[in-house]
């Protein structure tokens, strides 16, 4: 089975959007995988309804960012092992509005904003935040509601493991006419096998075991890890050329100590970073560790050599990377010396930003 997250259904995610999702994943495990899969499923559903190409892209972005409003929810609510209190549940149920507020602050199209805002509505009227029924729910909201559910089925949760593709199909069929539009479910299921690189629904019916999370994101994980190790190796080669072998030995020893403190089984063989075993559970874990690694490296080198020189040096090395590695590093915010302002913080805190009903 090919990697699901090779971006062939619509355009690859924008870097600033993925970096927002990385921030959500720091609060809620699997958030990155969940958003990526929801974006893919939204594109599939939109294609199944023969929407226009620009609408397919807008809805893919909505699927990706539908949960960014959880940045305004206390992390302890998102990670609480037991039942939520009514007060806690009310706070969590504000996230569609917060997500729409962030989307509007990012100047995303109204199609995207509306889809995000309605992604927890149900056709039987028991959804939130508006409790709209049937066709009163915008079709873009219905599409992202479906894509969010499919992604949730396929990714693990703290209270259950992932569902198999066959089980996910059965759950969708059971929800048709209650949670979701029956017409939309039928259209989506005709395209659903494409997510897995197959074309026949009967093939999915035989897939009765959950797919491991690495199967869902293997393409992205491998490229993120490759971008990190290639950049680090090139940096160490250049540091040895500029400052000598002793400098590199000290630097790799400090980084090895940093890995040991975090129980990460990474070590250097010469100037190459290697791993003795898989050490991350989620794509979010990998991205977070790589960003922390580059942050530690930036701080250490800036202390030793001066911040201005180091920023210029690292940027030069980044520009020499092969384009695919440079691109994935930018998408996931690995090159932290380029980190843009946190636009979402202004969006969440600005109470004058109102998401108007349509």
Protein backbone atom coordinates (compact mmCIF):
# COMPACT_ATOMS: atom_id res chain seq x y z
CA UNK A 1 0.00 0.00 0.00
CA UNK A 2 1.40 3.39 -0.92
CA UNK A 3 1.71 6.14 1.69
CA UNK A 4 -1.62 7.88 2.14
CA UNK A 5 -0.22 11.33 2.68
CA UNK A 6 1.53 11.89 -0.62
CA UNK A 7 -0.34 14.99 -1.68
CA UNK A 8 -1.87 13.96 -4.98
CA UNK A 9 -5.52 14.87 -4.40
CA UNK A 10 -4.99 18.61 -3.95
CA UNK A 11 -2.12 20.97 -3.25
CA UNK A 12 0.33 20.21 -0.42
CA UNK A 13 -0.48 21.97 2.87
CA UNK A 14 0.76 25.50 3.35
CA UNK A 15 3.66 25.71 5.82
CA UNK A 16 1.94 28.10 8.22
CA UNK A 17 -1.13 25.85 8.31
CA UNK A 18 0.88 22.73 9.16
CA UNK A 19 2.81 24.61 11.82
CA UNK A 20 -0.49 25.56 13.47
CA UNK A 21 -1.42 21.89 13.43
CA UNK A 22 1.91 20.98 15.02
CA UNK A 23 1.01 23.33 17.88
CA UNK A 24 -2.34 21.57 18.35
CA UNK A 25 -0.51 18.23 18.42
CA UNK A 26 1.54 19.46 21.37
CA UNK A 27 -1.75 19.48 23.32
CA UNK A 28 -3.58 16.52 21.78
CA UNK A 29 -1.88 13.32 20.53
CA UNK A 30 -2.62 12.32 16.93
CA UNK A 31 -3.83 15.85 16.06
CA UNK A 32 -1.36 16.14 13.21
CA UNK A 33 -2.32 12.79 11.66
CA UNK A 34 -6.00 13.58 12.27
CA UNK A 35 -5.81 16.92 10.45
CA UNK A 36 -3.78 15.55 7.55
CA UNK A 37 -6.21 12.66 6.98
CA UNK A 38 -9.25 14.92 7.37
CA UNK A 39 -7.82 17.19 4.68
CA UNK A 40 -7.39 14.24 2.34
CA UNK A 41 -10.89 12.92 3.08
CA UNK A 42 -12.45 16.35 2.53
CA UNK A 43 -10.81 16.52 -0.89
CA UNK A 44 -12.12 13.03 -1.74
CA UNK A 45 -15.65 13.91 -0.64
CA UNK A 46 -15.60 17.16 -2.60
CA UNK A 47 -14.43 15.32 -5.71
CA UNK A 48 -17.17 12.74 -5.20
CA UNK A 49 -19.70 15.60 -5.35
CA UNK A 50 -17.95 16.97 -8.49
CA UNK A 51 -17.19 20.33 -6.91
CA UNK A 52 -14.89 22.79 -8.65
CA UNK A 53 -11.14 22.46 -8.21
CA UNK A 54 -10.75 25.63 -6.13
CA UNK A 55 -13.56 24.48 -3.80
CA UNK A 56 -11.86 21.10 -3.42
CA UNK A 57 -8.68 22.88 -2.32
CA UNK A 58 -10.55 25.19 0.08
CA UNK A 59 -12.28 22.20 1.69
CA UNK A 60 -9.02 20.27 1.96
CA UNK A 61 -7.60 23.21 3.93
CA UNK A 62 -10.74 23.23 6.09
CA UNK A 63 -10.26 19.54 6.87
CA UNK A 64 -6.65 20.19 7.78
CA UNK A 65 -7.41 23.12 10.12
CA UNK A 66 -10.82 22.21 11.53
CA UNK A 67 -9.45 21.69 15.07
CA UNK A 68 -6.99 24.60 15.37
CA UNK A 69 -9.43 26.27 17.77
CA UNK A 70 -8.32 23.71 20.35
CA UNK A 71 -5.31 26.00 20.84
CA UNK A 72 -7.74 28.07 22.94
CA UNK A 73 -8.81 25.04 25.03
CA UNK A 74 -6.84 24.18 28.20
CA UNK A 75 -4.61 21.19 27.49
CA UNK A 76 -5.81 19.41 30.63
CA UNK A 77 -9.35 19.31 29.18
CA UNK A 78 -8.11 17.73 25.95
CA UNK A 79 -6.04 15.13 27.78
CA UNK A 80 -8.38 14.38 30.67
CA UNK A 81 -8.59 10.57 31.13
CA UNK A 82 -12.06 10.59 32.71
CA UNK A 83 -15.43 12.08 31.78
CA UNK A 84 -15.60 15.83 31.23
CA UNK A 85 -17.72 18.03 33.46
CA UNK A 86 -20.52 20.02 31.78
CA UNK A 87 -18.38 23.17 32.19
CA UNK A 88 -15.36 21.52 30.55
CA UNK A 89 -17.48 20.14 27.74
CA UNK A 90 -18.91 23.61 27.10
CA UNK A 91 -15.38 25.00 26.73
CA UNK A 92 -14.36 22.27 24.28
CA UNK A 93 -17.53 22.82 22.25
CA UNK A 94 -16.39 26.38 21.55
CA UNK A 95 -13.53 25.13 19.38
CA UNK A 96 -15.42 25.21 16.04
CA UNK A 97 -16.02 28.94 16.54
CA UNK A 98 -12.43 29.49 17.67
CA UNK A 99 -11.19 27.49 14.67
CA UNK A 100 -13.31 29.61 12.31
CA UNK A 101 -12.01 32.76 13.99
CA UNK A 102 -8.41 31.67 13.38
CA UNK A 103 -9.23 30.75 9.77
CA UNK A 104 -10.68 34.19 9.18
CA UNK A 105 -7.68 35.85 10.82
CA UNK A 106 -5.53 33.92 8.34
CA UNK A 107 -7.67 35.44 5.55
CA UNK A 108 -8.84 32.06 4.32
CA UNK A 109 -11.83 31.95 1.92
CA UNK A 110 -15.33 32.05 3.36
CA UNK A 111 -15.91 28.52 2.04
CA UNK A 112 -13.11 27.32 4.34
CA UNK A 113 -14.31 29.38 7.31
CA UNK A 114 -17.90 28.14 6.96
CA UNK A 115 -16.82 24.51 6.59
CA UNK A 116 -14.67 24.68 9.73
CA UNK A 117 -17.38 26.44 11.69
CA UNK A 118 -19.95 23.70 10.96
CA UNK A 119 -17.80 20.58 11.29
CA UNK A 120 -19.65 19.34 14.40
CA UNK A 121 -23.18 19.89 13.07
CA UNK A 122 -25.41 16.83 12.55
CA UNK A 123 -28.21 16.43 10.06
CA UNK A 124 -30.56 15.33 12.88
CA UNK A 125 -30.06 18.71 14.60
CA UNK A 126 -28.12 17.36 17.59
CA UNK A 127 -24.78 18.88 16.65
CA UNK A 128 -23.10 22.10 17.75
CA UNK A 129 -22.57 25.05 17.91
CA UNK A 130 -25.86 25.85 16.06
CA UNK A 131 -27.88 22.61 16.15
CA UNK A 132 -28.80 23.11 12.49
CA UNK A 133 -30.72 20.37 10.71
CA UNK A 134 -30.44 18.73 7.30
CA UNK A 135 -29.96 21.11 4.38
CA UNK A 136 -29.67 24.07 6.75
CA UNK A 137 -26.10 22.87 7.32
CA UNK A 138 -23.92 24.24 4.48
CA UNK A 139 -22.67 21.46 2.22
CA UNK A 140 -19.08 22.49 2.92
CA UNK A 141 -19.73 21.98 6.63
CA UNK A 142 -21.26 18.56 5.96
CA UNK A 143 -18.19 17.54 3.96
CA UNK A 144 -15.75 18.48 6.72
CA UNK A 145 -18.00 16.86 9.35
CA UNK A 146 -17.75 13.60 7.41
CA UNK A 147 -14.00 13.93 6.82
CA UNK A 148 -13.41 14.64 10.50
CA UNK A 149 -15.29 11.50 11.48
CA UNK A 150 -13.47 9.28 8.97
CA UNK A 151 -10.10 10.57 10.15
CA UNK A 152 -11.11 10.04 13.76
CA UNK A 153 -12.07 6.45 12.97
CA UNK A 154 -8.70 5.70 11.36
CA UNK A 155 -6.47 7.31 14.01
CA UNK A 156 -6.10 6.16 17.64
CA UNK A 157 -7.70 7.93 20.57
CA UNK A 158 -6.75 7.79 24.24
CA UNK A 159 -9.88 5.74 24.93
CA UNK A 160 -9.70 3.35 21.93
CA UNK A 161 -7.46 2.07 19.17
CA UNK A 162 -7.94 2.98 15.51
CA UNK A 163 -10.72 1.30 13.55
CA UNK A 164 -10.09 -0.84 10.47
CA UNK A 165 -11.10 0.49 7.04
CA UNK A 166 -13.92 -2.09 6.93
CA UNK A 167 -15.20 -1.00 10.36
CA UNK A 168 -14.95 2.66 9.34
CA UNK A 169 -17.14 1.96 6.29
CA UNK A 170 -19.72 0.21 8.47
CA UNK A 171 -19.77 3.10 10.95
CA UNK A 172 -20.32 5.62 8.17
CA UNK A 173 -23.17 3.58 6.74
CA UNK A 174 -24.79 3.42 10.18
CA UNK A 175 -24.52 7.21 10.54
CA UNK A 176 -26.15 7.96 7.18
CA UNK A 177 -29.35 9.93 7.68
CA UNK A 178 -28.63 10.67 11.37
CA UNK A 179 -25.22 12.24 11.81
CA UNK A 180 -24.51 12.65 8.10
CA UNK A 181 -26.33 13.13 4.83
CA UNK A 182 -27.08 9.73 3.31
CA UNK A 183 -26.32 11.09 -0.18
CA UNK A 184 -22.93 12.41 0.97
CA UNK A 185 -22.05 9.10 2.64
CA UNK A 186 -22.87 7.14 -0.53
CA UNK A 187 -20.81 9.51 -2.68
CA UNK A 188 -17.84 9.45 -0.32
CA UNK A 189 -17.79 5.65 0.06
CA UNK A 190 -17.50 5.33 -3.71
CA UNK A 191 -14.20 7.25 -3.48
CA UNK A 192 -12.98 6.05 -0.06
CA UNK A 193 -10.83 3.18 -1.45
CA UNK A 194 -8.68 5.74 -3.28
CA UNK A 195 -7.35 6.92 0.06
CA UNK A 196 -5.58 3.56 0.34
CA UNK A 197 -4.43 3.32 -3.26
CA UNK A 198 -7.12 0.84 -4.33
CA UNK A 199 -10.30 1.24 -6.36
CA UNK A 200 -12.75 -1.43 -5.27
CA UNK A 201 -14.95 -1.06 -2.16
CA UNK A 202 -14.89 -4.87 -1.87
CA UNK A 203 -11.14 -4.65 -1.22
CA UNK A 204 -11.73 -2.44 1.82
CA UNK A 205 -14.37 -4.86 3.11
CA UNK A 206 -11.60 -7.43 3.56
CA UNK A 207 -9.36 -5.03 5.53
CA UNK A 208 -10.65 -5.87 8.98
CA UNK A 209 -7.55 -4.92 10.99
CA UNK A 210 -6.66 -1.33 11.91
CA UNK A 211 -3.86 0.18 9.88
CA UNK A 212 -0.84 1.07 12.01
CA UNK A 213 -0.38 4.79 12.30
CA UNK A 214 2.99 4.60 10.56
CA UNK A 215 1.21 3.19 7.49
CA UNK A 216 -0.94 6.31 7.40
CA UNK A 217 1.93 8.78 7.56
CA UNK A 218 5.02 6.82 6.51
CA UNK A 219 5.78 9.09 3.57
CA UNK A 220 5.70 12.21 5.70
CA UNK A 221 7.63 10.66 8.61
CA UNK A 222 10.42 9.40 6.37
CA UNK A 223 10.85 12.77 4.66
CA UNK A 224 10.82 14.76 7.92
CA UNK A 225 13.46 12.45 9.38
CA UNK A 226 15.56 12.59 6.22
CA UNK A 227 15.42 16.40 6.16
CA UNK A 228 16.59 16.51 9.79
CA UNK A 229 19.47 14.07 9.45
CA UNK A 230 20.73 15.42 6.11
CA UNK A 231 20.72 19.00 7.39
CA UNK A 232 22.45 18.04 10.63
CA UNK A 233 25.13 16.02 8.83
CA UNK A 234 25.85 18.89 6.43
CA UNK A 235 26.04 21.32 9.33
CA UNK A 236 28.56 19.14 11.16
CA UNK A 237 30.65 18.68 8.01
CA UNK A 238 30.74 22.45 7.53
CA UNK A 239 31.47 23.06 11.22
CA UNK A 240 34.45 20.69 11.02
CA UNK A 241 35.71 22.58 7.97
CA UNK A 242 35.31 25.96 9.67
CA UNK A 243 36.15 25.25 13.31
CA UNK A 244 37.96 21.92 13.42
CA UNK A 245 37.31 18.37 14.56
CA UNK A 246 37.52 19.21 18.26
CA UNK A 247 34.62 21.68 17.98
CA UNK A 248 32.46 19.04 16.25
CA UNK A 249 33.35 16.41 18.85
CA UNK A 250 32.25 18.73 21.66
CA UNK A 251 29.03 19.60 19.84
CA UNK A 252 28.07 15.98 19.11
CA UNK A 253 28.84 15.01 22.70
CA UNK A 254 26.49 17.74 23.98
CA UNK A 255 23.77 16.66 21.57
CA UNK A 256 24.19 13.02 22.62
CA UNK A 257 23.72 14.07 26.24
CA UNK A 258 20.58 15.98 25.20
CA UNK A 259 19.20 12.82 23.55
CA UNK A 260 20.01 10.71 26.61
CA UNK A 261 18.15 13.09 28.93
CA UNK A 262 15.03 12.62 26.77
CA UNK A 263 15.44 8.85 26.44
CA UNK A 264 15.76 9.16 22.67
CA UNK A 265 17.87 6.28 21.22
CA UNK A 266 19.91 8.43 18.83
CA UNK A 267 23.67 8.47 18.56
CA UNK A 268 26.38 9.76 16.26
CA UNK A 269 28.50 7.53 14.09
CA UNK A 270 31.19 9.99 13.16
CA UNK A 271 29.18 13.00 12.05
CA UNK A 272 26.07 11.01 11.06
CA UNK A 273 23.02 10.76 13.30
CA UNK A 274 21.62 7.23 13.57
CA UNK A 275 18.90 5.46 15.54
CA UNK A 276 19.12 2.00 17.08
CA UNK A 277 15.33 1.52 17.02
CA UNK A 278 12.10 3.39 16.18
CA UNK A 279 11.61 6.00 18.87
CA UNK A 280 8.53 8.01 17.98
CA UNK A 281 4.86 7.03 18.19
CA UNK A 282 3.34 9.76 16.06
CA UNK A 283 4.37 12.16 13.33
CA UNK A 284 3.73 14.86 15.94
CA UNK A 285 6.34 13.28 18.25
CA UNK A 286 8.89 13.28 15.45
CA UNK A 287 8.25 16.88 14.40
CA UNK A 288 8.32 18.10 18.00
CA UNK A 289 11.65 16.39 18.72
CA UNK A 290 13.22 17.68 15.50
CA UNK A 291 12.10 21.23 16.25
CA UNK A 292 13.46 20.96 19.78
CA UNK A 293 16.72 19.60 18.42
CA UNK A 294 17.14 22.50 16.02
CA UNK A 295 16.16 24.94 18.76
CA UNK A 296 18.82 23.53 21.09
CA UNK A 297 21.36 23.59 18.29
CA UNK A 298 20.52 27.19 17.42
CA UNK A 299 20.79 28.32 21.04
CA UNK A 300 24.08 26.47 21.62
CA UNK A 301 25.75 27.71 18.45
CA UNK A 302 24.47 31.25 18.97
CA UNK A 303 25.99 31.28 22.46
CA UNK A 304 29.34 30.08 21.12
CA UNK A 305 29.53 31.94 17.81
CA UNK A 306 27.02 34.79 17.91
CA UNK A 307 23.37 34.78 16.88
CA UNK A 308 23.73 36.85 13.69
CA UNK A 309 26.50 34.67 12.26
CA UNK A 310 24.73 31.43 13.15
CA UNK A 311 21.38 32.47 11.64
CA UNK A 312 23.11 33.46 8.40
CA UNK A 313 25.14 30.24 8.40
CA UNK A 314 22.16 27.93 9.00
CA UNK A 315 20.10 29.72 6.38
CA UNK A 316 22.85 29.23 3.83
CA UNK A 317 22.99 25.50 4.59
CA UNK A 318 19.20 25.26 4.30
CA UNK A 319 19.24 26.84 0.85
CA UNK A 320 21.69 24.17 -0.33
CA UNK A 321 19.40 21.28 0.63
CA UNK A 322 17.63 19.27 -2.09
CA UNK A 323 14.31 20.98 -2.78
CA UNK A 324 12.03 18.17 -1.43
CA UNK A 325 13.85 18.18 1.92
CA UNK A 326 13.88 21.95 2.13
CA UNK A 327 10.16 22.03 1.37
CA UNK A 328 9.15 19.46 4.00
CA UNK A 329 11.34 21.21 6.58
CA UNK A 330 9.57 24.48 5.82
CA UNK A 331 6.13 22.82 5.95
CA UNK A 332 6.73 21.48 9.45
CA UNK A 333 8.61 24.48 10.81
CA UNK A 334 11.92 22.66 11.29
CA UNK A 335 13.94 25.71 10.27
CA UNK A 336 13.08 27.55 13.46
CA UNK A 337 15.36 30.51 12.76
CA UNK A 338 12.70 31.39 10.16
CA UNK A 339 9.72 30.90 12.49
CA UNK A 340 6.99 33.45 11.65
CA UNK A 341 4.91 35.25 14.29
CA UNK A 342 2.21 33.14 15.91
CA UNK A 343 -0.75 34.56 13.99
CA UNK A 344 -3.16 32.26 15.80
CA UNK A 345 -2.38 33.88 19.17
CA UNK A 346 -3.77 37.19 17.96
CA UNK A 347 -6.79 35.44 16.48
CA UNK A 348 -7.63 33.59 19.68
CA UNK A 349 -7.16 36.59 21.97
CA UNK A 350 -8.81 39.20 19.75
CA UNK A 351 -12.41 39.31 20.98
CA UNK A 352 -13.33 41.83 18.25
CA UNK A 353 -12.95 39.12 15.61
CA UNK A 354 -16.50 37.92 15.11
CA UNK A 355 -17.49 34.99 12.90
CA UNK A 356 -20.82 36.03 11.45
CA UNK A 357 -23.63 33.58 10.63
CA UNK A 358 -24.51 33.12 6.99
